[in-house]
Amino acid sequence: VSLGGHCTSGTITVFDIQGRMIQNIHVLNSSKV
């Protein structure tokens, strides 16, 4: 997951088609995960 080529912080969340949260990853000062 590229976050636009610059370092940023936030949260990446993956949901399935039913809307259930599959993964939740906290991003700290990174440009890609």
Full PDB file with SEQRES, HELIX, SHEET, SSBOND, CRYST1, ORIGX, SCALE, CONECT and MASTER records, all heavy atoms in Angstrom:
SEQRES   1 A   33  VAL SER LEU GLY GLY HIS CYS THR SER GLY THR ILE THR          
SEQRES   2 A   33  VAL PHE ASP ILE GLN GLY ARG MET ILE GLN ASN ILE HIS          
SEQRES   3 A   33  VAL LEU ASN SER SER LYS VAL                                  
SHEET    1 AA1 2 THR A   8  PHE A  15  0                                        
SHEET    2 AA1 2 MET A  21  SER A  30 -1                                        
CRYST1    1.000    1.000    1.000  90.00  90.00  90.00 P 1           1          
ORIGX1      1.000000  0.000000  0.000000        0.00000                         
ORIGX2      0.000000  1.000000  0.000000        0.00000                         
ORIGX3      0.000000  0.000000  1.000000        0.00000                         
SCALE1      1.000000  0.000000  0.000000        0.00000                         
SCALE2      0.000000  1.000000  0.000000        0.00000                         
SCALE3      0.000000  0.000000  1.000000        0.00000                         
ATOM      1  N   VAL A   1       0.862  -1.175   0.000  1.00  0.00           N  
ATOM      2  CA  VAL A   1       0.000   0.000   0.000  1.00  0.00           C  
ATOM      3  C   VAL A   1       0.897   1.222   0.000  1.00  0.00           C  
ATOM      4  O   VAL A   1       1.626   1.473   0.958  1.00  0.00           O  
ATOM      5  CB  VAL A   1      -0.933   0.016   1.223  1.00  0.00           C  
ATOM      6  CG1 VAL A   1      -1.844   1.238   1.170  1.00  0.00           C  
ATOM      7  CG2 VAL A   1      -1.755  -1.260   1.298  1.00  0.00           C  
ATOM      8  N   SER A   2       0.884   1.953  -1.109  1.00  0.00           N  
ATOM      9  CA  SER A   2       1.676   3.174  -1.230  1.00  0.00           C  
ATOM     10  C   SER A   2       0.832   4.363  -0.797  1.00  0.00           C  
ATOM     11  O   SER A   2      -0.295   4.543  -1.256  1.00  0.00           O  
ATOM     12  CB  SER A   2       2.135   3.365  -2.678  1.00  0.00           C  
ATOM     13  OG  SER A   2       2.795   4.613  -2.818  1.00  0.00           O  
ATOM     14  N   LEU A   3       1.380   5.189   0.073  1.00  0.00           N  
ATOM     15  CA  LEU A   3       0.637   6.300   0.664  1.00  0.00           C  
ATOM     16  C   LEU A   3       0.977   7.631   0.021  1.00  0.00           C  
ATOM     17  O   LEU A   3       1.009   8.673   0.667  1.00  0.00           O  
ATOM     18  CB  LEU A   3       0.905   6.352   2.171  1.00  0.00           C  
ATOM     19  CG  LEU A   3       0.607   5.035   2.907  1.00  0.00           C  
ATOM     20  CD1 LEU A   3       0.965   5.148   4.368  1.00  0.00           C  
ATOM     21  CD2 LEU A   3      -0.847   4.644   2.735  1.00  0.00           C  
ATOM     22  N   GLY A   4       1.249   7.604  -1.277  1.00  0.00           N  
ATOM     23  CA  GLY A   4       1.422   8.849  -2.014  1.00  0.00           C  
ATOM     24  C   GLY A   4       2.850   9.309  -2.155  1.00  0.00           C  
ATOM     25  O   GLY A   4       3.103  10.439  -2.570  1.00  0.00           O  
ATOM     26  N   GLY A   5       3.808   8.445  -1.778  1.00  0.00           N  
ATOM     27  CA  GLY A   5       5.194   8.792  -1.987  1.00  0.00           C  
ATOM     28  C   GLY A   5       5.820   9.630  -0.893  1.00  0.00           C  
ATOM     29  O   GLY A   5       6.991  10.007  -0.991  1.00  0.00           O  
ATOM     30  N   HIS A   6       5.083   9.950   0.167  1.00  0.00           N  
ATOM     31  CA  HIS A   6       5.660  10.707   1.274  1.00  0.00           C  
ATOM     32  C   HIS A   6       5.252  10.068   2.587  1.00  0.00           C  
ATOM     33  O   HIS A   6       4.244   9.376   2.681  1.00  0.00           O  
ATOM     34  CB  HIS A   6       5.191  12.160   1.230  1.00  0.00           C  
ATOM     35  CG  HIS A   6       3.705  12.315   1.275  1.00  0.00           C  
ATOM     36  ND1 HIS A   6       2.921  12.220   0.138  1.00  0.00           N  
ATOM     37  CD2 HIS A   6       2.850  12.514   2.311  1.00  0.00           C  
ATOM     38  CE1 HIS A   6       1.650  12.380   0.460  1.00  0.00           C  
ATOM     39  NE2 HIS A   6       1.571  12.562   1.781  1.00  0.00           N  
ATOM     40  N   CYS A   7       6.037  10.297   3.610  1.00  0.00           N  
ATOM     41  CA  CYS A   7       5.785   9.679   4.905  1.00  0.00           C  
ATOM     42  C   CYS A   7       4.553  10.293   5.559  1.00  0.00           C  
ATOM     43  O   CYS A   7       4.387  11.514   5.562  1.00  0.00           O  
ATOM     44  CB  CYS A   7       7.001   9.843   5.820  1.00  0.00           C  
ATOM     45  SG  CYS A   7       8.444   8.906   5.258  1.00  0.00           S  
ATOM     46  N   THR A   8       3.728   9.438   6.089  1.00  0.00           N  
ATOM     47  CA  THR A   8       2.524   9.899   6.766  1.00  0.00           C  
ATOM     48  C   THR A   8       2.138   8.888   7.832  1.00  0.00           C  
ATOM     49  O   THR A   8       2.689   7.783   7.893  1.00  0.00           O  
ATOM     50  CB  THR A   8       1.370  10.082   5.760  1.00  0.00           C  
ATOM     51  OG1 THR A   8       0.259  10.701   6.413  1.00  0.00           O  
ATOM     52  CG2 THR A   8       0.933   8.748   5.181  1.00  0.00           C  
ATOM     53  N   SER A   9       1.190   9.263   8.675  1.00  0.00           N  
ATOM     54  CA  SER A   9       0.712   8.381   9.734  1.00  0.00           C  
ATOM     55  C   SER A   9      -0.799   8.231   9.620  1.00  0.00           C  
ATOM     56  O   SER A   9      -1.492   9.142   9.146  1.00  0.00           O  
ATOM     57  CB  SER A   9       1.078   8.938  11.118  1.00  0.00           C  
ATOM     58  OG  SER A   9       2.486   9.038  11.278  1.00  0.00           O  
ATOM     59  N   GLY A  10      -1.303   7.097  10.059  1.00  0.00           N  
ATOM     60  CA  GLY A  10      -2.737   6.863   9.996  1.00  0.00           C  
ATOM     61  C   GLY A  10      -3.067   5.413  10.254  1.00  0.00           C  
ATOM     62  O   GLY A  10      -2.307   4.698  10.909  1.00  0.00           O  
ATOM     63  N   THR A  11      -4.189   4.986   9.706  1.00  0.00           N  
ATOM     64  CA  THR A  11      -4.663   3.622   9.930  1.00  0.00           C  
ATOM     65  C   THR A  11      -5.104   2.997   8.608  1.00  0.00           C  
ATOM     66  O   THR A  11      -5.870   3.600   7.863  1.00  0.00           O  
ATOM     67  CB  THR A  11      -5.843   3.604  10.916  1.00  0.00           C  
ATOM     68  OG1 THR A  11      -5.456   4.232  12.131  1.00  0.00           O  
ATOM     69  CG2 THR A  11      -6.283   2.178  11.208  1.00  0.00           C  
ATOM     70  N   ILE A  12      -4.606   1.794   8.327  1.00  0.00           N  
ATOM     71  CA  ILE A  12      -5.077   0.996   7.190  1.00  0.00           C  
ATOM     72  C   ILE A  12      -6.010  -0.078   7.727  1.00  0.00           C  
ATOM     73  O   ILE A  12      -5.648  -0.830   8.633  1.00  0.00           O  
ATOM     74  CB  ILE A  12      -3.905   0.345   6.436  1.00  0.00           C  
ATOM     75  CG1 ILE A  12      -3.025   1.415   5.780  1.00  0.00           C  
ATOM     76  CG2 ILE A  12      -4.423  -0.631   5.375  1.00  0.00           C  
ATOM     77  CD1 ILE A  12      -1.769   0.853   5.140  1.00  0.00           C  
ATOM     78  N   THR A  13      -7.213  -0.131   7.180  1.00  0.00           N  
ATOM     79  CA  THR A  13      -8.200  -1.120   7.607  1.00  0.00           C  
ATOM     80  C   THR A  13      -8.668  -1.902   6.395  1.00  0.00           C  
ATOM     81  O   THR A  13      -8.932  -1.321   5.336  1.00  0.00           O  
ATOM     82  CB  THR A  13      -9.403  -0.450   8.291  1.00  0.00           C  
ATOM     83  OG1 THR A  13      -8.944   0.425   9.325  1.00  0.00           O  
ATOM     84  CG2 THR A  13     -10.328  -1.497   8.899  1.00  0.00           C  
ATOM     85  N   VAL A  14      -8.772  -3.211   6.541  1.00  0.00           N  
ATOM     86  CA  VAL A  14      -9.256  -4.084   5.474  1.00  0.00           C  
ATOM     87  C   VAL A  14     -10.611  -4.650   5.900  1.00  0.00           C  
ATOM     88  O   VAL A  14     -10.744  -5.203   6.997  1.00  0.00           O  
ATOM     89  CB  VAL A  14      -8.269  -5.228   5.186  1.00  0.00           C  
ATOM     90  CG1 VAL A  14      -8.795  -6.116   4.061  1.00  0.00           C  
ATOM     91  CG2 VAL A  14      -6.892  -4.676   4.831  1.00  0.00           C  
ATOM     92  N   PHE A  15     -11.619  -4.490   5.031  1.00  0.00           N  
ATOM     93  CA  PHE A  15     -12.953  -5.027   5.273  1.00  0.00           C  
ATOM     94  C   PHE A  15     -13.277  -6.070   4.213  1.00  0.00           C  
ATOM     95  O   PHE A  15     -12.840  -5.951   3.059  1.00  0.00           O  
ATOM     96  CB  PHE A  15     -14.020  -3.922   5.191  1.00  0.00           C  
ATOM     97  CG  PHE A  15     -13.833  -2.815   6.181  1.00  0.00           C  
ATOM     98  CD1 PHE A  15     -13.112  -1.680   5.834  1.00  0.00           C  
ATOM     99  CD2 PHE A  15     -14.373  -2.894   7.450  1.00  0.00           C  
ATOM    100  CE1 PHE A  15     -12.939  -0.641   6.741  1.00  0.00           C  
ATOM    101  CE2 PHE A  15     -14.210  -1.874   8.358  1.00  0.00           C  
ATOM    102  CZ  PHE A  15     -13.486  -0.745   8.006  1.00  0.00           C  
ATOM    103  N   ASP A  16     -14.071  -7.087   4.614  1.00  0.00           N  
ATOM    104  CA  ASP A  16     -14.556  -8.015   3.600  1.00  0.00           C  
ATOM    105  C   ASP A  16     -15.845  -7.473   2.995  1.00  0.00           C  
ATOM    106  O   ASP A  16     -16.321  -6.397   3.357  1.00  0.00           O  
ATOM    107  CB  ASP A  16     -14.732  -9.428   4.162  1.00  0.00           C  
ATOM    108  CG  ASP A  16     -15.839  -9.530   5.200  1.00  0.00           C  
ATOM    109  OD1 ASP A  16     -16.635  -8.580   5.337  1.00  0.00           O  
ATOM    110  OD2 ASP A  16     -15.909 -10.569   5.885  1.00  0.00           O  
ATOM    111  N   ILE A  17     -16.443  -8.204   2.077  1.00  0.00           N  
ATOM    112  CA  ILE A  17     -17.606  -7.721   1.337  1.00  0.00           C  
ATOM    113  C   ILE A  17     -18.823  -7.560   2.244  1.00  0.00           C  
ATOM    114  O   ILE A  17     -19.753  -6.811   1.948  1.00  0.00           O  
ATOM    115  CB  ILE A  17     -17.939  -8.659   0.153  1.00  0.00           C  
ATOM    116  CG1 ILE A  17     -18.948  -8.014  -0.803  1.00  0.00           C  
ATOM    117  CG2 ILE A  17     -18.426 -10.000   0.675  1.00  0.00           C  
ATOM    118  CD1 ILE A  17     -18.462  -6.749  -1.450  1.00  0.00           C  
ATOM    119  N   GLN A  18     -18.820  -8.240   3.411  1.00  0.00           N  
ATOM    120  CA  GLN A  18     -19.916  -8.111   4.359  1.00  0.00           C  
ATOM    121  C   GLN A  18     -19.734  -6.945   5.320  1.00  0.00           C  
ATOM    122  O   GLN A  18     -20.577  -6.701   6.177  1.00  0.00           O  
ATOM    123  CB  GLN A  18     -20.060  -9.414   5.163  1.00  0.00           C  
ATOM    124  CG  GLN A  18     -20.330 -10.636   4.310  1.00  0.00           C  
ATOM    125  CD  GLN A  18     -21.609 -10.521   3.514  1.00  0.00           C  
ATOM    126  OE1 GLN A  18     -22.598  -9.983   4.014  1.00  0.00           O  
ATOM    127  NE2 GLN A  18     -21.600 -11.007   2.292  1.00  0.00           N  
ATOM    128  N   GLY A  19     -18.616  -6.220   5.161  1.00  0.00           N  
ATOM    129  CA  GLY A  19     -18.361  -5.084   6.026  1.00  0.00           C  
ATOM    130  C   GLY A  19     -17.634  -5.431   7.309  1.00  0.00           C  
ATOM    131  O   GLY A  19     -17.435  -4.583   8.169  1.00  0.00           O  
ATOM    132  N   ARG A  20     -17.232  -6.703   7.454  1.00  0.00           N  
ATOM    133  CA  ARG A  20     -16.501  -7.111   8.649  1.00  0.00           C  
ATOM    134  C   ARG A  20     -15.045  -6.669   8.550  1.00  0.00           C  
ATOM    135  O   ARG A  20     -14.408  -6.834   7.504  1.00  0.00           O  
ATOM    136  CB  ARG A  20     -16.588  -8.621   8.846  1.00  0.00           C  
ATOM    137  CG  ARG A  20     -17.983  -9.135   9.146  1.00  0.00           C  
ATOM    138  CD  ARG A  20     -17.947 -10.628   9.419  1.00  0.00           C  
ATOM    139  NE  ARG A  20     -17.603 -11.376   8.212  1.00  0.00           N  
ATOM    140  CZ  ARG A  20     -18.488 -12.009   7.472  1.00  0.00           C  
ATOM    141  NH1 ARG A  20     -19.758 -11.996   7.801  1.00  0.00           N  
ATOM    142  NH2 ARG A  20     -18.100 -12.673   6.397  1.00  0.00           N  
ATOM    143  N   MET A  21     -14.527  -6.128   9.642  1.00  0.00           N  
ATOM    144  CA  MET A  21     -13.135  -5.707   9.653  1.00  0.00           C  
ATOM    145  C   MET A  21     -12.232  -6.934   9.733  1.00  0.00           C  
ATOM    146  O   MET A  21     -12.340  -7.740  10.659  1.00  0.00           O  
ATOM    147  CB  MET A  21     -12.858  -4.770  10.827  1.00  0.00           C  
ATOM    148  CG  MET A  21     -11.459  -4.196  10.828  1.00  0.00           C  
ATOM    149  SD  MET A  21     -11.185  -3.022  12.180  1.00  0.00           S  
ATOM    150  CE  MET A  21     -11.207  -4.152  13.582  1.00  0.00           C  
ATOM    151  N   ILE A  22     -11.329  -7.079   8.769  1.00  0.00           N  
ATOM    152  CA  ILE A  22     -10.428  -8.219   8.720  1.00  0.00           C  
ATOM    153  C   ILE A  22      -9.087  -7.884   9.352  1.00  0.00           C  
ATOM    154  O   ILE A  22      -8.517  -8.672  10.099  1.00  0.00           O  
ATOM    155  CB  ILE A  22     -10.215  -8.672   7.254  1.00  0.00           C  
ATOM    156  CG1 ILE A  22     -11.575  -8.987   6.598  1.00  0.00           C  
ATOM    157  CG2 ILE A  22      -9.298  -9.883   7.190  1.00  0.00           C  
ATOM    158  CD1 ILE A  22     -12.350 -10.076   7.293  1.00  0.00           C  
ATOM    159  N   GLN A  23      -8.592  -6.690   9.056  1.00  0.00           N  
ATOM    160  CA  GLN A  23      -7.298  -6.264   9.581  1.00  0.00           C  
ATOM    161  C   GLN A  23      -7.345  -4.779   9.896  1.00  0.00           C  
ATOM    162  O   GLN A  23      -8.068  -4.010   9.247  1.00  0.00           O  
ATOM    163  CB  GLN A  23      -6.173  -6.532   8.558  1.00  0.00           C  
ATOM    164  CG  GLN A  23      -5.929  -8.006   8.261  1.00  0.00           C  
ATOM    165  CD  GLN A  23      -5.153  -8.207   6.974  1.00  0.00           C  
ATOM    166  OE1 GLN A  23      -5.728  -8.490   5.935  1.00  0.00           O  
ATOM    167  NE2 GLN A  23      -3.831  -8.061   7.050  1.00  0.00           N  
ATOM    168  N   ASN A  24      -6.560  -4.388  10.883  1.00  0.00           N  
ATOM    169  CA  ASN A  24      -6.458  -2.981  11.262  1.00  0.00           C  
ATOM    170  C   ASN A  24      -5.000  -2.710  11.611  1.00  0.00           C  
ATOM    171  O   ASN A  24      -4.484  -3.247  12.594  1.00  0.00           O  
ATOM    172  CB  ASN A  24      -7.381  -2.672  12.443  1.00  0.00           C  
ATOM    173  CG  ASN A  24      -7.597  -1.185  12.619  1.00  0.00           C  
ATOM    174  OD1 ASN A  24      -7.973  -0.506  11.675  1.00  0.00           O  
ATOM    175  ND2 ASN A  24      -7.371  -0.687  13.816  1.00  0.00           N  
ATOM    176  N   ILE A  25      -4.330  -1.897  10.806  1.00  0.00           N  
ATOM    177  CA  ILE A  25      -2.891  -1.678  10.959  1.00  0.00           C  
ATOM    178  C   ILE A  25      -2.628  -0.189  11.156  1.00  0.00           C  
ATOM    179  O   ILE A  25      -3.074   0.645  10.367  1.00  0.00           O  
ATOM    180  CB  ILE A  25      -2.127  -2.183   9.715  1.00  0.00           C  
ATOM    181  CG1 ILE A  25      -2.392  -3.683   9.514  1.00  0.00           C  
ATOM    182  CG2 ILE A  25      -0.637  -1.904   9.841  1.00  0.00           C  
ATOM    183  CD1 ILE A  25      -1.887  -4.209   8.192  1.00  0.00           C  
ATOM    184  N   HIS A  26      -1.892   0.144  12.199  1.00  0.00           N  
ATOM    185  CA  HIS A  26      -1.516   1.528  12.460  1.00  0.00           C  
ATOM    186  C   HIS A  26      -0.197   1.841  11.756  1.00  0.00           C  
ATOM    187  O   HIS A  26       0.774   1.093  11.870  1.00  0.00           O  
ATOM    188  CB  HIS A  26      -1.397   1.787  13.957  1.00  0.00           C  
ATOM    189  CG  HIS A  26      -2.691   1.639  14.684  1.00  0.00           C  
ATOM    190  ND1 HIS A  26      -3.695   2.582  14.635  1.00  0.00           N  
ATOM    191  CD2 HIS A  26      -3.173   0.633  15.471  1.00  0.00           C  
ATOM    192  CE1 HIS A  26      -4.717   2.180  15.354  1.00  0.00           C  
ATOM    193  NE2 HIS A  26      -4.434   1.002  15.861  1.00  0.00           N  
ATOM    194  N   VAL A  27      -0.192   2.931  11.009  1.00  0.00           N  
ATOM    195  CA  VAL A  27       0.971   3.348  10.244  1.00  0.00           C  
ATOM    196  C   VAL A  27       1.593   4.557  10.919  1.00  0.00           C  
ATOM    197  O   VAL A  27       0.904   5.540  11.228  1.00  0.00           O  
ATOM    198  CB  VAL A  27       0.578   3.704   8.795  1.00  0.00           C  
ATOM    199  CG1 VAL A  27       1.806   4.149   8.007  1.00  0.00           C  
ATOM    200  CG2 VAL A  27      -0.111   2.528   8.124  1.00  0.00           C  
ATOM    201  N   LEU A  28       2.895   4.505  11.168  1.00  0.00           N  
ATOM    202  CA  LEU A  28       3.582   5.604  11.825  1.00  0.00           C  
ATOM    203  C   LEU A  28       4.711   6.104  10.933  1.00  0.00           C  
ATOM    204  O   LEU A  28       5.709   5.404  10.706  1.00  0.00           O  
ATOM    205  CB  LEU A  28       4.131   5.169  13.189  1.00  0.00           C  
ATOM    206  CG  LEU A  28       4.869   6.240  13.995  1.00  0.00           C  
ATOM    207  CD1 LEU A  28       3.930   7.394  14.336  1.00  0.00           C  
ATOM    208  CD2 LEU A  28       5.460   5.633  15.270  1.00  0.00           C  
ATOM    209  N   ASN A  29       4.528   7.292  10.374  1.00  0.00           N  
ATOM    210  CA  ASN A  29       5.564   7.990   9.617  1.00  0.00           C  
ATOM    211  C   ASN A  29       6.177   7.084   8.543  1.00  0.00           C  
ATOM    212  O   ASN A  29       7.382   6.854   8.502  1.00  0.00           O  
ATOM    213  CB  ASN A  29       6.659   8.504  10.565  1.00  0.00           C  
ATOM    214  CG  ASN A  29       7.526   9.574   9.906  1.00  0.00           C  
ATOM    215  OD1 ASN A  29       7.075  10.289   9.019  1.00  0.00           O  
ATOM    216  ND2 ASN A  29       8.777   9.677  10.343  1.00  0.00           N  
ATOM    217  N   SER A  30       5.329   6.591   7.651  1.00  0.00           N  
ATOM    218  CA  SER A  30       5.784   5.688   6.596  1.00  0.00           C  
ATOM    219  C   SER A  30       5.170   6.092   5.271  1.00  0.00           C  
ATOM    220  O   SER A  30       4.096   6.697   5.231  1.00  0.00           O  
ATOM    221  CB  SER A  30       5.409   4.248   6.948  1.00  0.00           C  
ATOM    222  OG  SER A  30       5.820   3.354   5.934  1.00  0.00           O  
ATOM    223  N   SER A  31       5.846   5.747   4.165  1.00  0.00           N  
ATOM    224  CA  SER A  31       5.321   6.066   2.840  1.00  0.00           C  
ATOM    225  C   SER A  31       4.697   4.853   2.164  1.00  0.00           C  
ATOM    226  O   SER A  31       3.988   5.000   1.172  1.00  0.00           O  
ATOM    227  CB  SER A  31       6.437   6.616   1.936  1.00  0.00           C  
ATOM    228  OG  SER A  31       7.449   5.634   1.758  1.00  0.00           O  
ATOM    229  N   LYS A  32       4.983   3.658   2.676  1.00  0.00           N  
ATOM    230  CA  LYS A  32       4.380   2.449   2.117  1.00  0.00           C  
ATOM    231  C   LYS A  32       4.335   1.366   3.177  1.00  0.00           C  
ATOM    232  O   LYS A  32       5.126   1.360   4.119  1.00  0.00           O  
ATOM    233  CB  LYS A  32       5.148   1.965   0.888  1.00  0.00           C  
ATOM    234  CG  LYS A  32       6.588   1.565   1.133  1.00  0.00           C  
ATOM    235  CD  LYS A  32       7.265   1.078  -0.131  1.00  0.00           C  
ATOM    236  CE  LYS A  32       7.333   2.164  -1.187  1.00  0.00           C  
ATOM    237  NZ  LYS A  32       8.084   1.704  -2.383  1.00  0.00           N  
ATOM    238  N   VAL A  33       3.375   0.455   3.003  1.00  0.00           N  
ATOM    239  CA  VAL A  33       3.184  -0.639   3.951  1.00  0.00           C  
ATOM    240  C   VAL A  33       2.999  -1.933   3.171  1.00  0.00           C  
ATOM    241  O   VAL A  33       2.222  -1.980   2.211  1.00  0.00           O  
ATOM    242  CB  VAL A  33       1.948  -0.386   4.843  1.00  0.00           C  
ATOM    243  CG1 VAL A  33       1.695  -1.586   5.746  1.00  0.00           C  
ATOM    244  CG2 VAL A  33       2.129   0.867   5.677  1.00  0.00           C  
TER     245      VAL A  33                                                      
MASTER        0    0    0    0    2    0    0    6  244    1    0    3          
END                                                                             
